[in-house]
Protein backbone atom coordinates (compact mmCIF):
# COMPACT_ATOMS: atom_id res chain seq x y z
CA MET A 1 -19.91 105.11 -139.78
CA PHE A 2 -16.70 103.15 -140.26
CA VAL A 3 -14.99 102.66 -143.60
CA THR A 4 -12.23 100.08 -143.82
CA VAL A 5 -9.22 101.20 -145.87
CA PRO A 6 -5.67 99.91 -146.17
CA PRO A 7 -2.92 101.67 -144.18
CA GLY A 8 -1.48 104.80 -145.75
CA ARG A 9 -2.49 108.30 -146.78
CA HIS A 10 -6.03 108.79 -148.06
CA ALA A 11 -8.11 111.77 -149.18
CA VAL A 12 -11.61 111.76 -147.69
CA ILE A 13 -14.25 113.84 -149.46
CA PHE A 14 -17.41 115.18 -147.81
CA ASP A 15 -19.81 116.30 -150.53
CA ARG A 16 -23.26 117.69 -149.68
CA THR A 17 -25.68 116.79 -152.44
CA GLY A 18 -27.36 119.76 -154.09
CA THR A 19 -24.80 122.30 -152.86
CA ARG A 20 -21.32 123.45 -153.77
CA ASP A 21 -20.12 122.50 -150.30
CA ARG A 22 -17.26 120.04 -150.78
CA LYS A 23 -14.66 119.40 -148.09
CA VAL A 24 -11.51 117.32 -148.56
CA ILE A 25 -9.27 116.16 -145.72
CA THR A 26 -6.11 114.05 -145.91
CA VAL A 27 -5.90 111.17 -143.44
CA ASP A 28 -2.86 109.07 -142.50
CA VAL A 29 -4.12 105.64 -141.43
CA PRO A 30 -1.68 103.57 -139.33
CA PRO A 31 -1.80 99.77 -139.74
CA GLY A 32 -4.58 98.20 -137.67
CA GLN A 33 -5.89 101.51 -136.28
CA ALA A 34 -8.88 103.78 -136.79
CA VAL A 35 -8.70 107.50 -137.44
CA PRO A 36 -11.70 109.56 -136.26
CA LEU A 37 -13.05 112.33 -138.48
CA TYR A 38 -15.70 114.87 -137.57
CA TYR A 39 -18.04 116.72 -139.93
CA SER A 40 -20.44 119.44 -138.89
CA MET A 41 -23.32 120.65 -141.04
CA PRO A 42 -23.83 124.42 -141.24
CA LEU A 43 -26.71 126.08 -139.40
CA TRP A 44 -28.09 127.56 -142.61
CA VAL A 45 -27.93 126.68 -146.30
CA GLY A 46 -25.67 129.57 -147.33
CA ALA A 47 -22.77 128.46 -145.14
CA SER A 48 -20.38 125.58 -145.76
CA GLY A 49 -19.75 122.64 -143.44
CA ALA A 50 -16.57 121.92 -141.47
CA VAL A 51 -14.43 118.79 -141.26
CA SER A 52 -11.55 118.06 -138.88
CA HIS A 53 -9.70 115.39 -136.90
CA ALA A 54 -11.21 116.90 -133.70
CA PRO A 55 -14.84 117.78 -132.94
CA VAL A 56 -15.90 120.98 -134.70
CA ASP A 57 -18.65 123.51 -134.01
CA ALA A 58 -21.31 124.19 -136.60
CA PRO A 59 -20.09 126.89 -139.00
CA GLY A 60 -22.20 129.94 -139.79
CA VAL A 61 -23.25 130.63 -136.19
CA GLY A 62 -22.46 134.36 -136.44
CA SER A 63 -24.39 134.77 -139.70
CA PHE A 64 -27.32 132.81 -138.30
CA ILE A 65 -27.48 134.97 -135.17
CA ALA A 66 -27.26 138.16 -137.28
CA LEU A 67 -30.13 136.91 -139.45
CA ILE A 68 -32.33 136.16 -136.42
CA VAL A 69 -31.53 139.51 -134.77
CA GLY A 70 -32.31 141.34 -138.02
CA MET A 71 -35.63 139.55 -138.39
CA LEU A 72 -36.57 140.29 -134.78
CA GLY A 73 -35.63 143.95 -135.35
CA ILE A 74 -37.93 144.20 -138.36
CA ILE A 75 -40.77 142.53 -136.45
CA GLY A 76 -40.21 144.92 -133.53
CA LEU A 77 -40.29 147.90 -135.90
CA LEU A 78 -43.54 146.74 -137.49
CA VAL A 79 -45.17 146.11 -134.10
CA GLY A 80 -44.01 149.54 -132.91
CA LEU A 81 -45.55 151.20 -135.97
CA LEU A 82 -48.83 149.36 -135.44
CA VAL A 83 -48.93 150.32 -131.75
CA MET A 84 -48.37 153.99 -132.60
CA GLY A 85 -51.28 153.84 -135.04
CA VAL A 86 -49.34 154.21 -138.23
CA VAL A 87 -51.20 152.47 -141.05
CA LEU A 88 -49.11 150.75 -143.69
CA VAL A 89 -50.62 150.72 -147.16
CA ALA A 90 -49.40 147.98 -149.51
């Protein structure tokens, strides 16, 4: 998406609706030129996004991996208990 602005210094705001994730970046626009900006959404809702003048990776990768590993660990534990014949009573 391109937004035409006059030359000079501008503050660009990325605001995700429904969250408290708000990123502000200052951009110096030379006359007659374009300035690229990159925004990356987080991998999960609890993380915040990232904005930069260069391409950025999705934030929250470490937390997302830890969450998946934890869930797989719990599933593995439950399967192990079922295989050993332990009955879980709710």
